[in-house]
Amino acid sequence: EEGEVPNEVIGSSDAEEINEVMAYVADIIREHRLPRKVMVVHNFTEGMIADRELLDPPPEIDLVIHMDGHGPPQNKIGVYERLASQEFFNGFKLFYQRDFPLMTPEQVLSLDPDFISYQ
């Protein structure tokens, strides 16, 4: 929204909007005979994706719900465990300068995410 400042106002989306974007990308993939694509949707609060249960990725899209909040390990692990899903791929993001202490690779791998990123 106009006047909102990133990192001060947490954004959100809904399943309808995300499904529309995935359908748009899937059309491009089919039209140009491209390989499957990964779509990463950031999610670090329960209300960040409204109607999340209505997400419906087309066959051309591998949907990753990416837990990308920053903070201490116990907070990140708690949020990840609440938001992890059997329906989609699960992602976990680490921040070199905002996570203290930075989780070890072993700690992250023990959560068994499908996708890991560092920023």
PDB file of N, CA and C in Angstrom:
ATOM      1  N   GLU A   1       0.833  -1.189   0.000  1.00  0.00           N
ATOM      2  CA  GLU A   1       0.000   0.000   0.000  1.00  0.00           C
ATOM      3  C   GLU A   1       0.877   1.252   0.000  1.00  0.00           C
ATOM      4  N   GLU A   2       0.340   2.333  -0.533  1.00  0.00           N
ATOM      5  CA  GLU A   2       1.073   3.594  -0.558  1.00  0.00           C
ATOM      6  C   GLU A   2       1.405   4.027   0.868  1.00  0.00           C
ATOM      7  N   GLY A   3       2.643   4.442   1.056  1.00  0.00           N
ATOM      8  CA  GLY A   3       3.083   4.934   2.349  1.00  0.00           C
ATOM      9  C   GLY A   3       3.624   3.866   3.281  1.00  0.00           C
ATOM     10  N   GLU A   4       3.421   2.589   2.944  1.00  0.00           N
ATOM     11  CA  GLU A   4       3.958   1.530   3.790  1.00  0.00           C
ATOM     12  C   GLU A   4       5.452   1.393   3.551  1.00  0.00           C
ATOM     13  N   VAL A   5       6.181   1.125   4.609  1.00  0.00           N
ATOM     14  CA  VAL A   5       7.631   1.031   4.534  1.00  0.00           C
ATOM     15  C   VAL A   5       8.036  -0.431   4.708  1.00  0.00           C
ATOM     16  N   PRO A   6       8.750  -0.993   3.707  1.00  0.00           N
ATOM     17  CA  PRO A   6       9.220  -2.367   3.866  1.00  0.00           C
ATOM     18  C   PRO A   6      10.026  -2.533   5.150  1.00  0.00           C
ATOM     19  N   ASN A   7       9.897  -3.675   5.753  1.00  0.00           N
ATOM     20  CA  ASN A   7      10.547  -4.040   7.010  1.00  0.00           C
ATOM     21  C   ASN A   7       9.910  -3.358   8.219  1.00  0.00           C
ATOM     22  N   GLU A   8       8.941  -2.474   7.985  1.00  0.00           N
ATOM     23  CA  GLU A   8       8.136  -1.919   9.076  1.00  0.00           C
ATOM     24  C   GLU A   8       6.726  -2.477   9.006  1.00  0.00           C
ATOM     25  N   VAL A   9       6.223  -2.661   7.794  1.00  0.00           N
ATOM     26  CA  VAL A   9       4.906  -3.242   7.578  1.00  0.00           C
ATOM     27  C   VAL A   9       5.116  -4.591   6.906  1.00  0.00           C
ATOM     28  N   ILE A  10       4.582  -5.634   7.528  1.00  0.00           N
ATOM     29  CA  ILE A  10       4.706  -6.972   6.949  1.00  0.00           C
ATOM     30  C   ILE A  10       3.636  -7.138   5.889  1.00  0.00           C
ATOM     31  N   GLY A  11       4.064  -7.496   4.686  1.00  0.00           N
ATOM     32  CA  GLY A  11       3.141  -7.681   3.580  1.00  0.00           C
ATOM     33  C   GLY A  11       2.372  -8.980   3.694  1.00  0.00           C
ATOM     34  N   SER A  12       1.404  -9.123   2.822  1.00  0.00           N
ATOM     35  CA  SER A  12       0.618 -10.347   2.793  1.00  0.00           C
ATOM     36  C   SER A  12       0.063 -10.544   1.391  1.00  0.00           C
ATOM     37  N   SER A  13      -0.460 -11.719   1.161  1.00  0.00           N
ATOM     38  CA  SER A  13      -1.101 -12.046  -0.096  1.00  0.00           C
ATOM     39  C   SER A  13      -2.174 -13.069   0.209  1.00  0.00           C
ATOM     40  N   ASP A  14      -2.892 -13.475  -0.817  1.00  0.00           N
ATOM     41  CA  ASP A  14      -3.883 -14.525  -0.603  1.00  0.00           C
ATOM     42  C   ASP A  14      -3.728 -15.590  -1.677  1.00  0.00           C
ATOM     43  N   ALA A  15      -4.370 -16.713  -1.445  1.00  0.00           N
ATOM     44  CA  ALA A  15      -4.241 -17.838  -2.367  1.00  0.00           C
ATOM     45  C   ALA A  15      -4.699 -17.461  -3.766  1.00  0.00           C
ATOM     46  N   GLU A  16      -5.743 -16.681  -3.891  1.00  0.00           N
ATOM     47  CA  GLU A  16      -6.240 -16.309  -5.214  1.00  0.00           C
ATOM     48  C   GLU A  16      -5.163 -15.578  -6.021  1.00  0.00           C
ATOM     49  N   GLU A  17      -4.515 -14.617  -5.399  1.00  0.00           N
ATOM     50  CA  GLU A  17      -3.471 -13.852  -6.093  1.00  0.00           C
ATOM     51  C   GLU A  17      -2.285 -14.746  -6.459  1.00  0.00           C
ATOM     52  N   ILE A  18      -1.861 -15.594  -5.539  1.00  0.00           N
ATOM     53  CA  ILE A  18      -0.730 -16.487  -5.807  1.00  0.00           C
ATOM     54  C   ILE A  18      -1.095 -17.488  -6.896  1.00  0.00           C
ATOM     55  N   ASN A  19      -2.309 -18.020  -6.864  1.00  0.00           N
ATOM     56  CA  ASN A  19      -2.752 -18.952  -7.905  1.00  0.00           C
ATOM     57  C   ASN A  19      -2.770 -18.282  -9.277  1.00  0.00           C
ATOM     58  N   GLU A  20      -3.182 -17.023  -9.331  1.00  0.00           N
ATOM     59  CA  GLU A  20      -3.188 -16.284 -10.605  1.00  0.00           C
ATOM     60  C   GLU A  20      -1.768 -16.157 -11.164  1.00  0.00           C
ATOM     61  N   VAL A  21      -0.823 -15.842 -10.309  1.00  0.00           N
ATOM     62  CA  VAL A  21       0.572 -15.707 -10.760  1.00  0.00           C
ATOM     63  C   VAL A  21       1.095 -17.056 -11.239  1.00  0.00           C
ATOM     64  N   MET A  22       0.793 -18.118 -10.486  1.00  0.00           N
ATOM     65  CA  MET A  22       1.261 -19.437 -10.916  1.00  0.00           C
ATOM     66  C   MET A  22       0.643 -19.831 -12.251  1.00  0.00           C
ATOM     67  N   ALA A  23      -0.626 -19.529 -12.466  1.00  0.00           N
ATOM     68  CA  ALA A  23      -1.280 -19.842 -13.748  1.00  0.00           C
ATOM     69  C   ALA A  23      -0.630 -19.060 -14.886  1.00  0.00           C
ATOM     70  N   TYR A  24      -0.316 -17.796 -14.641  1.00  0.00           N
ATOM     71  CA  TYR A  24       0.345 -16.956 -15.638  1.00  0.00           C
ATOM     72  C   TYR A  24       1.700 -17.555 -16.035  1.00  0.00           C
ATOM     73  N   VAL A  25       2.497 -17.923 -15.032  1.00  0.00           N
ATOM     74  CA  VAL A  25       3.815 -18.504 -15.300  1.00  0.00           C
ATOM     75  C   VAL A  25       3.662 -19.858 -15.996  1.00  0.00           C
ATOM     76  N   ALA A  26       2.702 -20.659 -15.575  1.00  0.00           N
ATOM     77  CA  ALA A  26       2.477 -21.966 -16.204  1.00  0.00           C
ATOM     78  C   ALA A  26       2.121 -21.810 -17.680  1.00  0.00           C
ATOM     79  N   ASP A  27       1.335 -20.788 -18.023  1.00  0.00           N
ATOM     80  CA  ASP A  27       1.007 -20.529 -19.432  1.00  0.00           C
ATOM     81  C   ASP A  27       2.274 -20.251 -20.243  1.00  0.00           C
ATOM     82  N   ILE A  28       3.179 -19.460 -19.687  1.00  0.00           N
ATOM     83  CA  ILE A  28       4.442 -19.158 -20.368  1.00  0.00           C
ATOM     84  C   ILE A  28       5.273 -20.428 -20.534  1.00  0.00           C
ATOM     85  N   ILE A  29       5.314 -21.243 -19.497  1.00  0.00           N
ATOM     86  CA  ILE A  29       6.081 -22.490 -19.558  1.00  0.00           C
ATOM     87  C   ILE A  29       5.545 -23.385 -20.672  1.00  0.00           C
ATOM     88  N   ARG A  30       4.223 -23.548 -20.732  1.00  0.00           N
ATOM     89  CA  ARG A  30       3.625 -24.390 -21.776  1.00  0.00           C
ATOM     90  C   ARG A  30       3.848 -23.798 -23.161  1.00  0.00           C
ATOM     91  N   GLU A  31       3.627 -22.500 -23.293  1.00  0.00           N
ATOM     92  CA  GLU A  31       3.753 -21.839 -24.594  1.00  0.00           C
ATOM     93  C   GLU A  31       5.157 -21.991 -25.176  1.00  0.00           C
ATOM     94  N   HIS A  32       6.150 -21.889 -24.336  1.00  0.00           N
ATOM     95  CA  HIS A  32       7.538 -21.925 -24.805  1.00  0.00           C
ATOM     96  C   HIS A  32       8.222 -23.268 -24.547  1.00  0.00           C
ATOM     97  N   ARG A  33       7.435 -24.240 -24.121  1.00  0.00           N
ATOM     98  CA  ARG A  33       7.947 -25.597 -23.866  1.00  0.00           C
ATOM     99  C   ARG A  33       9.164 -25.575 -22.943  1.00  0.00           C
ATOM    100  N   LEU A  34       9.022 -24.878 -21.845  1.00  0.00           N
ATOM    101  CA  LEU A  34      10.096 -24.735 -20.861  1.00  0.00           C
ATOM    102  C   LEU A  34       9.982 -25.828 -19.796  1.00  0.00           C
ATOM    103  N   PRO A  35      11.071 -26.081 -19.098  1.00  0.00           N
ATOM    104  CA  PRO A  35      10.995 -27.044 -17.987  1.00  0.00           C
ATOM    105  C   PRO A  35      10.224 -26.457 -16.804  1.00  0.00           C
ATOM    106  N   ARG A  36       9.846 -27.340 -15.898  1.00  0.00           N
ATOM    107  CA  ARG A  36       9.161 -26.919 -14.665  1.00  0.00           C
ATOM    108  C   ARG A  36       9.944 -25.803 -13.983  1.00  0.00           C
ATOM    109  N   LYS A  37       9.243 -24.968 -13.253  1.00  0.00           N
ATOM    110  CA  LYS A  37       9.862 -23.862 -12.532  1.00  0.00           C
ATOM    111  C   LYS A  37       9.533 -23.962 -11.049  1.00  0.00           C
ATOM    112  N   VAL A  38      10.405 -23.391 -10.247  1.00  0.00           N
ATOM    113  CA  VAL A  38      10.191 -23.295  -8.807  1.00  0.00           C
ATOM    114  C   VAL A  38       9.650 -21.899  -8.519  1.00  0.00           C
ATOM    115  N   MET A  39       8.572 -21.834  -7.756  1.00  0.00           N
ATOM    116  CA  MET A  39       8.034 -20.545  -7.309  1.00  0.00           C
ATOM    117  C   MET A  39       8.190 -20.505  -5.789  1.00  0.00           C
ATOM    118  N   VAL A  40       8.888 -19.488  -5.307  1.00  0.00           N
ATOM    119  CA  VAL A  40       9.157 -19.345  -3.886  1.00  0.00           C
ATOM    120  C   VAL A  40       8.258 -18.253  -3.329  1.00  0.00           C
ATOM    121  N   VAL A  41       7.438 -18.623  -2.354  1.00  0.00           N
ATOM    122  CA  VAL A  41       6.540 -17.677  -1.695  1.00  0.00           C
ATOM    123  C   VAL A  41       6.987 -17.559  -0.246  1.00  0.00           C
ATOM    124  N   HIS A  42       7.354 -16.360   0.145  1.00  0.00           N
ATOM    125  CA  HIS A  42       7.844 -16.137   1.498  1.00  0.00           C
ATOM    126  C   HIS A  42       6.680 -16.120   2.489  1.00  0.00           C
ATOM    127  N   ASN A  43       6.930 -16.753   3.638  1.00  0.00           N
ATOM    128  CA  ASN A  43       5.880 -16.877   4.653  1.00  0.00           C
ATOM    129  C   ASN A  43       6.542 -16.981   6.017  1.00  0.00           C
ATOM    130  N   PHE A  44       6.336 -15.985   6.877  1.00  0.00           N
ATOM    131  CA  PHE A  44       6.915 -16.100   8.206  1.00  0.00           C
ATOM    132  C   PHE A  44       5.957 -15.687   9.315  1.00  0.00           C
ATOM    133  N   THR A  45       4.690 -15.473   8.956  1.00  0.00           N
ATOM    134  CA  THR A  45       3.648 -15.302   9.967  1.00  0.00           C
ATOM    135  C   THR A  45       2.433 -16.105   9.515  1.00  0.00           C
ATOM    136  N   GLU A  46       1.638 -16.540  10.475  1.00  0.00           N
ATOM    137  CA  GLU A  46       0.479 -17.372  10.145  1.00  0.00           C
ATOM    138  C   GLU A  46      -0.485 -16.683   9.191  1.00  0.00           C
ATOM    139  N   GLY A  47      -0.674 -15.384   9.304  1.00  0.00           N
ATOM    140  CA  GLY A  47      -1.638 -14.682   8.470  1.00  0.00           C
ATOM    141  C   GLY A  47      -1.077 -14.120   7.176  1.00  0.00           C
ATOM    142  N   MET A  48       0.154 -14.413   6.873  1.00  0.00           N
ATOM    143  CA  MET A  48       0.807 -13.812   5.721  1.00  0.00           C
ATOM    144  C   MET A  48       0.215 -14.270   4.385  1.00  0.00           C
ATOM    145  N   ILE A  49      -0.279 -15.520   4.322  1.00  0.00           N
ATOM    146  CA  ILE A  49      -0.926 -16.032   3.118  1.00  0.00           C
ATOM    147  C   ILE A  49      -2.359 -16.396   3.494  1.00  0.00           C
ATOM    148  N   ALA A  50      -3.292 -15.537   3.127  1.00  0.00           N
ATOM    149  CA  ALA A  50      -4.705 -15.805   3.427  1.00  0.00           C
ATOM    150  C   ALA A  50      -5.206 -16.962   2.566  1.00  0.00           C
ATOM    151  N   ASP A  51      -6.050 -17.783   3.131  1.00  0.00           N
ATOM    152  CA  ASP A  51      -6.643 -18.927   2.434  1.00  0.00           C
ATOM    153  C   ASP A  51      -5.567 -19.861   1.882  1.00  0.00           C
ATOM    154  N   ARG A  52      -4.515 -20.031   2.627  1.00  0.00           N
ATOM    155  CA  ARG A  52      -3.375 -20.845   2.183  1.00  0.00           C
ATOM    156  C   ARG A  52      -3.801 -22.239   1.726  1.00  0.00           C
ATOM    157  N   GLU A  53      -4.832 -22.789   2.351  1.00  0.00           N
ATOM    158  CA  GLU A  53      -5.307 -24.125   1.987  1.00  0.00           C
ATOM    159  C   GLU A  53      -5.871 -24.181   0.567  1.00  0.00           C
ATOM    160  N   LEU A  54      -6.113 -23.016  -0.042  1.00  0.00           N
ATOM    161  CA  LEU A  54      -6.631 -22.960  -1.414  1.00  0.00           C
ATOM    162  C   LEU A  54      -5.532 -22.832  -2.465  1.00  0.00           C
ATOM    163  N   LEU A  55      -4.271 -22.806  -2.048  1.00  0.00           N
ATOM    164  CA  LEU A  55      -3.183 -22.760  -3.021  1.00  0.00           C
ATOM    165  C   LEU A  55      -3.245 -24.010  -3.893  1.00  0.00           C
ATOM    166  N   ASP A  56      -3.113 -23.814  -5.195  1.00  0.00           N
ATOM    167  CA  ASP A  56      -3.289 -24.912  -6.139  1.00  0.00           C
ATOM    168  C   ASP A  56      -2.273 -24.786  -7.281  1.00  0.00           C
ATOM    169  N   PRO A  57      -1.025 -25.200  -7.028  1.00  0.00           N
ATOM    170  CA  PRO A  57      -0.012 -25.050  -8.085  1.00  0.00           C
ATOM    171  C   PRO A  57      -0.311 -25.959  -9.277  1.00  0.00           C
ATOM    172  N   PRO A  58      -0.158 -25.425 -10.480  1.00  0.00           N
ATOM    173  CA  PRO A  58      -0.311 -26.261 -11.676  1.00  0.00           C
ATOM    174  C   PRO A  58       0.873 -27.219 -11.789  1.00  0.00           C
ATOM    175  N   PRO A  59       0.766 -28.237 -12.638  1.00  0.00           N
ATOM    176  CA  PRO A  59       1.839 -29.232 -12.755  1.00  0.00           C
ATOM    177  C   PRO A  59       3.194 -28.639 -13.165  1.00  0.00           C
ATOM    178  N   GLU A  60       3.188 -27.475 -13.779  1.00  0.00           N
ATOM    179  CA  GLU A  60       4.437 -26.857 -14.249  1.00  0.00           C
ATOM    180  C   GLU A  60       5.204 -26.135 -13.143  1.00  0.00           C
ATOM    181  N   ILE A  61       4.604 -26.011 -11.975  1.00  0.00           N
ATOM    182  CA  ILE A  61       5.187 -25.215 -10.892  1.00  0.00           C
ATOM    183  C   ILE A  61       5.424 -26.082  -9.660  1.00  0.00           C
ATOM    184  N   ASP A  62       6.643 -26.006  -9.121  1.00  0.00           N
ATOM    185  CA  ASP A  62       6.933 -26.573  -7.805  1.00  0.00           C
ATOM    186  C   ASP A  62       6.870 -25.423  -6.811  1.00  0.00           C
ATOM    187  N   LEU A  63       5.864 -25.421  -5.961  1.00  0.00           N
ATOM    188  CA  LEU A  63       5.644 -24.333  -5.016  1.00  0.00           C
ATOM    189  C   LEU A  63       6.407 -24.574  -3.726  1.00  0.00           C
ATOM    190  N   VAL A  64       7.259 -23.593  -3.362  1.00  0.00           N
ATOM    191  CA  VAL A  64       8.007 -23.635  -2.112  1.00  0.00           C
ATOM    192  C   VAL A  64       7.438 -22.554  -1.198  1.00  0.00           C
ATOM    193  N   ILE A  65       6.965 -22.969  -0.031  1.00  0.00           N
ATOM    194  CA  ILE A  65       6.583 -22.008   1.003  1.00  0.00           C
ATOM    195  C   ILE A  65       7.834 -21.819   1.854  1.00  0.00           C
ATOM    196  N   HIS A  66       8.386 -20.608   1.785  1.00  0.00           N
ATOM    197  CA  HIS A  66       9.723 -20.311   2.297  1.00  0.00           C
ATOM    198  C   HIS A  66       9.627 -19.540   3.604  1.00  0.00           C
ATOM    199  N   MET A  67       9.989 -20.188   4.713  1.00  0.00           N
ATOM    200  CA  MET A  67       9.995 -19.524   6.009  1.00  0.00           C
ATOM    201  C   MET A  67      11.225 -18.641   6.064  1.00  0.00           C
ATOM    202  N   ASP A  68      11.009 -17.328   5.968  1.00  0.00           N
ATOM    203  CA  ASP A  68      12.161 -16.441   5.814  1.00  0.00           C
ATOM    204  C   ASP A  68      12.308 -15.398   6.905  1.00  0.00           C
ATOM    205  N   GLY A  69      11.677 -15.572   8.041  1.00  0.00           N
ATOM    206  CA  GLY A  69      11.846 -14.595   9.118  1.00  0.00           C
ATOM    207  C   GLY A  69      13.227 -14.663   9.728  1.00  0.00           C
ATOM    208  N   HIS A  70      13.639 -13.575  10.365  1.00  0.00           N
ATOM    209  CA  HIS A  70      14.951 -13.577  10.996  1.00  0.00           C
ATOM    210  C   HIS A  70      14.803 -13.546  12.503  1.00  0.00           C
ATOM    211  N   GLY A  71      15.861 -14.014  13.171  1.00  0.00           N
ATOM    212  CA  GLY A  71      15.841 -14.036  14.621  1.00  0.00           C
ATOM    213  C   GLY A  71      16.618 -15.213  15.171  1.00  0.00           C
ATOM    214  N   PRO A  72      16.453 -15.465  16.480  1.00  0.00           N
ATOM    215  CA  PRO A  72      17.192 -16.565  17.107  1.00  0.00           C
ATOM    216  C   PRO A  72      16.636 -17.921  16.661  1.00  0.00           C
ATOM    217  N   PRO A  73      17.469 -18.957  16.730  1.00  0.00           N
ATOM    218  CA  PRO A  73      17.055 -20.276  16.253  1.00  0.00           C
ATOM    219  C   PRO A  73      15.724 -20.762  16.815  1.00  0.00           C
ATOM    220  N   GLN A  74      15.482 -20.621  18.116  1.00  0.00           N
ATOM    221  CA  GLN A  74      14.243 -21.149  18.691  1.00  0.00           C
ATOM    222  C   GLN A  74      13.007 -20.498  18.070  1.00  0.00           C
ATOM    223  N   ASN A  75      13.079 -19.219  17.745  1.00  0.00           N
ATOM    224  CA  ASN A  75      11.943 -18.547  17.089  1.00  0.00           C
ATOM    225  C   ASN A  75      11.755 -19.074  15.671  1.00  0.00           C
ATOM    226  N   LYS A  76      12.850 -19.161  14.920  1.00  0.00           N
ATOM    227  CA  LYS A  76      12.778 -19.608  13.529  1.00  0.00           C
ATOM    228  C   LYS A  76      12.269 -21.050  13.441  1.00  0.00           C
ATOM    229  N   ILE A  77      12.761 -21.898  14.333  1.00  0.00           N
ATOM    230  CA  ILE A  77      12.342 -23.297  14.325  1.00  0.00           C
ATOM    231  C   ILE A  77      10.862 -23.410  14.667  1.00  0.00           C
ATOM    232  N   GLY A  78      10.407 -22.652  15.649  1.00  0.00           N
ATOM    233  CA  GLY A  78       8.992 -22.681  16.028  1.00  0.00           C
ATOM    234  C   GLY A  78       8.082 -22.270  14.884  1.00  0.00           C
ATOM    235  N   VAL A  79       8.432 -21.189  14.208  1.00  0.00           N
ATOM    236  CA  VAL A  79       7.626 -20.722  13.076  1.00  0.00           C
ATOM    237  C   VAL A  79       7.667 -21.748  11.950  1.00  0.00           C
ATOM    238  N   TYR A  80       8.827 -22.277  11.656  1.00  0.00           N
ATOM    239  CA  TYR A  80       8.951 -23.278  10.594  1.00  0.00           C
ATOM    240  C   TYR A  80       8.061 -24.482  10.899  1.00  0.00           C
ATOM    241  N   GLU A  81       8.121 -24.968  12.123  1.00  0.00           N
ATOM    242  CA  GLU A  81       7.317 -26.142  12.478  1.00  0.00           C
ATOM    243  C   GLU A  81       5.823 -25.863  12.380  1.00  0.00           C
ATOM    244  N   ARG A  82       5.400 -24.651  12.687  1.00  0.00           N
ATOM    245  CA  ARG A  82       3.974 -24.293  12.560  1.00  0.00           C
ATOM    246  C   ARG A  82       3.549 -24.137  11.104  1.00  0.00           C
ATOM    247  N   LEU A  83       4.463 -23.666  10.238  1.00  0.00           N
ATOM    248  CA  LEU A  83       4.102 -23.358   8.853  1.00  0.00           C
ATOM    249  C   LEU A  83       4.449 -24.458   7.863  1.00  0.00           C
ATOM    250  N   ALA A  84       5.270 -25.417   8.254  1.00  0.00           N
ATOM    251  CA  ALA A  84       5.655 -26.493   7.334  1.00  0.00           C
ATOM    252  C   ALA A  84       4.400 -27.245   6.896  1.00  0.00           C
ATOM    253  N   SER A  85       4.434 -27.716   5.663  1.00  0.00           N
ATOM    254  CA  SER A  85       3.257 -28.325   5.049  1.00  0.00           C
ATOM    255  C   SER A  85       3.631 -29.613   4.335  1.00  0.00           C
ATOM    256  N   GLN A  86       2.701 -30.537   4.289  1.00  0.00           N
ATOM    257  CA  GLN A  86       2.886 -31.759   3.506  1.00  0.00           C
ATOM    258  C   GLN A  86       2.473 -31.537   2.057  1.00  0.00           C
ATOM    259  N   GLU A  87       1.746 -30.452   1.785  1.00  0.00           N
ATOM    260  CA  GLU A  87       1.193 -30.217   0.451  1.00  0.00           C
ATOM    261  C   GLU A  87       2.169 -29.536  -0.505  1.00  0.00           C
ATOM    262  N   PHE A  88       3.122 -28.787   0.033  1.00  0.00           N
ATOM    263  CA  PHE A  88       4.055 -28.026  -0.792  1.00  0.00           C
ATOM    264  C   PHE A  88       5.468 -28.319  -0.335  1.00  0.00           C
ATOM    265  N   PHE A  89       6.425 -27.812  -1.088  1.00  0.00           N
ATOM    266  CA  PHE A  89       7.809 -27.909  -0.652  1.00  0.00           C
ATOM    267  C   PHE A  89       8.028 -26.869   0.439  1.00  0.00           C
ATOM    268  N   ASN A  90       8.863 -27.209   1.406  1.00  0.00           N
ATOM    269  CA  ASN A  90       9.129 -26.305   2.526  1.00  0.00           C
ATOM    270  C   ASN A  90      10.522 -25.707   2.387  1.00  0.00           C
ATOM    271  N   GLY A  91      10.603 -24.378   2.553  1.00  0.00           N
ATOM    272  CA  GLY A  91      11.867 -23.682   2.475  1.00  0.00           C
ATOM    273  C   GLY A  91      12.243 -23.061   3.807  1.00  0.00           C
ATOM    274  N   PHE A  92      13.532 -22.840   3.997  1.00  0.00           N
ATOM    275  CA  PHE A  92      14.047 -22.237   5.228  1.00  0.00           C
ATOM    276  C   PHE A  92      15.148 -21.263   4.849  1.00  0.00           C
ATOM    277  N   LYS A  93      15.036 -20.034   5.329  1.00  0.00           N
ATOM    278  CA  LYS A  93      15.992 -18.990   4.976  1.00  0.00           C
ATOM    279  C   LYS A  93      16.780 -18.553   6.200  1.00  0.00           C
ATOM    280  N   LEU A  94      18.066 -18.343   5.990  1.00  0.00           N
ATOM    281  CA  LEU A  94      18.943 -17.847   7.041  1.00  0.00           C
ATOM    282  C   LEU A  94      19.524 -16.508   6.618  1.00  0.00           C
ATOM    283  N   PHE A  95      19.707 -15.633   7.584  1.00  0.00           N
ATOM    284  CA  PHE A  95      20.253 -14.304   7.332  1.00  0.00           C
ATOM    285  C   PHE A  95      21.599 -14.182   8.048  1.00  0.00           C
ATOM    286  N   TYR A  96      22.657 -13.979   7.262  1.00  0.00           N
ATOM    287  CA  TYR A  96      23.991 -13.858   7.854  1.00  0.00           C
ATOM    288  C   TYR A  96      24.081 -12.736   8.874  1.00  0.00           C
ATOM    289  N   GLN A  97      23.402 -11.611   8.627  1.00  0.00           N
ATOM    290  CA  GLN A  97      23.564 -10.446   9.498  1.00  0.00           C
ATOM    291  C   GLN A  97      22.388 -10.214  10.438  1.00  0.00           C
ATOM    292  N   ARG A  98      21.329 -10.997  10.363  1.00  0.00           N
ATOM    293  CA  ARG A  98      20.168 -10.752  11.224  1.00  0.00           C
ATOM    294  C   ARG A  98      19.825 -11.921  12.132  1.00  0.00           C
ATOM    295  N   ASP A  99      20.369 -13.080  11.861  1.00  0.00           N
ATOM    296  CA  ASP A  99      20.120 -14.251  12.707  1.00  0.00           C
ATOM    297  C   ASP A  99      21.267 -14.378  13.697  1.00  0.00           C
ATOM    298  N   PHE A 100      20.921 -14.331  14.981  1.00  0.00           N
ATOM    299  CA  PHE A 100      21.960 -14.483  15.990  1.00  0.00           C
ATOM    300  C   PHE A 100      21.468 -15.394  17.089  1.00  0.00           C
ATOM    301  N   PRO A 101      22.166 -16.482  17.308  1.00  0.00           N
ATOM    302  CA  PRO A 101      23.293 -16.959  16.512  1.00  0.00           C
ATOM    303  C   PRO A 101      22.791 -17.601  15.212  1.00  0.00           C
ATOM    304  N   LEU A 102      23.642 -17.579  14.209  1.00  0.00           N
ATOM    305  CA  LEU A 102      23.311 -18.209  12.939  1.00  0.00           C
ATOM    306  C   LEU A 102      23.256 -19.719  13.145  1.00  0.00           C
ATOM    307  N   MET A 103      22.187 -20.330  12.694  1.00  0.00           N
ATOM    308  CA  MET A 103      22.043 -21.776  12.843  1.00  0.00           C
ATOM    309  C   MET A 103      23.118 -22.498  12.027  1.00  0.00           C
ATOM    310  N   THR A 104      23.535 -23.627  12.532  1.00  0.00           N
ATOM    311  CA  THR A 104      24.519 -24.436  11.811  1.00  0.00           C
ATOM    312  C   THR A 104      23.802 -25.210  10.703  1.00  0.00           C
ATOM    313  N   PRO A 105      24.546 -25.642   9.701  1.00  0.00           N
ATOM    314  CA  PRO A 105      23.926 -26.481   8.676  1.00  0.00           C
ATOM    315  C   PRO A 105      23.245 -27.718   9.273  1.00  0.00           C
ATOM    316  N   GLU A 106      23.850 -28.314  10.280  1.00  0.00           N
ATOM    317  CA  GLU A 106      23.261 -29.501  10.910  1.00  0.00           C
ATOM    318  C   GLU A 106      21.915 -29.180  11.559  1.00  0.00           C
ATOM    319  N   GLN A 107      21.816 -28.014  12.205  1.00  0.00           N
ATOM    320  CA  GLN A 107      20.546 -27.624  12.816  1.00  0.00           C
ATOM    321  C   GLN A 107      19.461 -27.447  11.765  1.00  0.00           C
ATOM    322  N   VAL A 108      19.815 -26.804  10.669  1.00  0.00           N
ATOM    323  CA  VAL A 108      18.833 -26.577   9.607  1.00  0.00           C
ATOM    324  C   VAL A 108      18.438 -27.891   8.955  1.00  0.00           C
ATOM    325  N   LEU A 109      19.413 -28.719   8.638  1.00  0.00           N
ATOM    326  CA  LEU A 109      19.115 -29.994   7.984  1.00  0.00           C
ATOM    327  C   LEU A 109      18.278 -30.911   8.862  1.00  0.00           C
ATOM    328  N   SER A 110      18.371 -30.767  10.184  1.00  0.00           N
ATOM    329  CA  SER A 110      17.561 -31.604  11.080  1.00  0.00           C
ATOM    330  C   SER A 110      16.065 -31.313  10.924  1.00  0.00           C
ATOM    331  N   LEU A 111      15.725 -30.142  10.367  1.00  0.00           N
ATOM    332  CA  LEU A 111      14.320 -29.788  10.117  1.00  0.00           C
ATOM    333  C   LEU A 111      13.809 -30.423   8.823  1.00  0.00           C
ATOM    334  N   ASP A 112      14.719 -30.900   7.997  1.00  0.00           N
ATOM    335  CA  ASP A 112      14.411 -31.567   6.730  1.00  0.00           C
ATOM    336  C   ASP A 112      13.683 -30.670   5.722  1.00  0.00           C
ATOM    337  N   PRO A 113      14.152 -29.419   5.542  1.00  0.00           N
ATOM    338  CA  PRO A 113      13.523 -28.564   4.519  1.00  0.00           C
ATOM    339  C   PRO A 113      13.884 -29.052   3.121  1.00  0.00           C
ATOM    340  N   ASP A 114      13.045 -28.697   2.164  1.00  0.00           N
ATOM    341  CA  ASP A 114      13.290 -29.054   0.768  1.00  0.00           C
ATOM    342  C   ASP A 114      14.169 -28.019   0.069  1.00  0.00           C
ATOM    343  N   PHE A 115      14.221 -26.811   0.620  1.00  0.00           N
ATOM    344  CA  PHE A 115      14.889 -25.678  -0.026  1.00  0.00           C
ATOM    345  C   PHE A 115      15.506 -24.835   1.083  1.00  0.00           C
ATOM    346  N   ILE A 116      16.769 -24.488   0.956  1.00  0.00           N
ATOM    347  CA  ILE A 116      17.468 -23.665   1.959  1.00  0.00           C
ATOM    348  C   ILE A 116      18.135 -22.511   1.224  1.00  0.00           C
ATOM    349  N   SER A 117      17.997 -21.312   1.785  1.00  0.00           N
ATOM    350  CA  SER A 117      18.701 -20.174   1.204  1.00  0.00           C
ATOM    351  C   SER A 117      19.345 -19.350   2.308  1.00  0.00           C
ATOM    352  N   TYR A 118      20.427 -18.680   1.921  1.00  0.00           N
ATOM    353  CA  TYR A 118      21.158 -17.780   2.814  1.00  0.00           C
ATOM    354  C   TYR A 118      21.152 -16.389   2.188  1.00  0.00           C
ATOM    355  N   GLN A 119      21.000 -15.390   3.011  1.00  0.00           N
ATOM    356  CA  GLN A 119      21.069 -14.014   2.540  1.00  0.00           C
ATOM    357  C   GLN A 119      21.973 -13.229   3.454  1.00  0.00           C
TER     358      GLN A 119
END
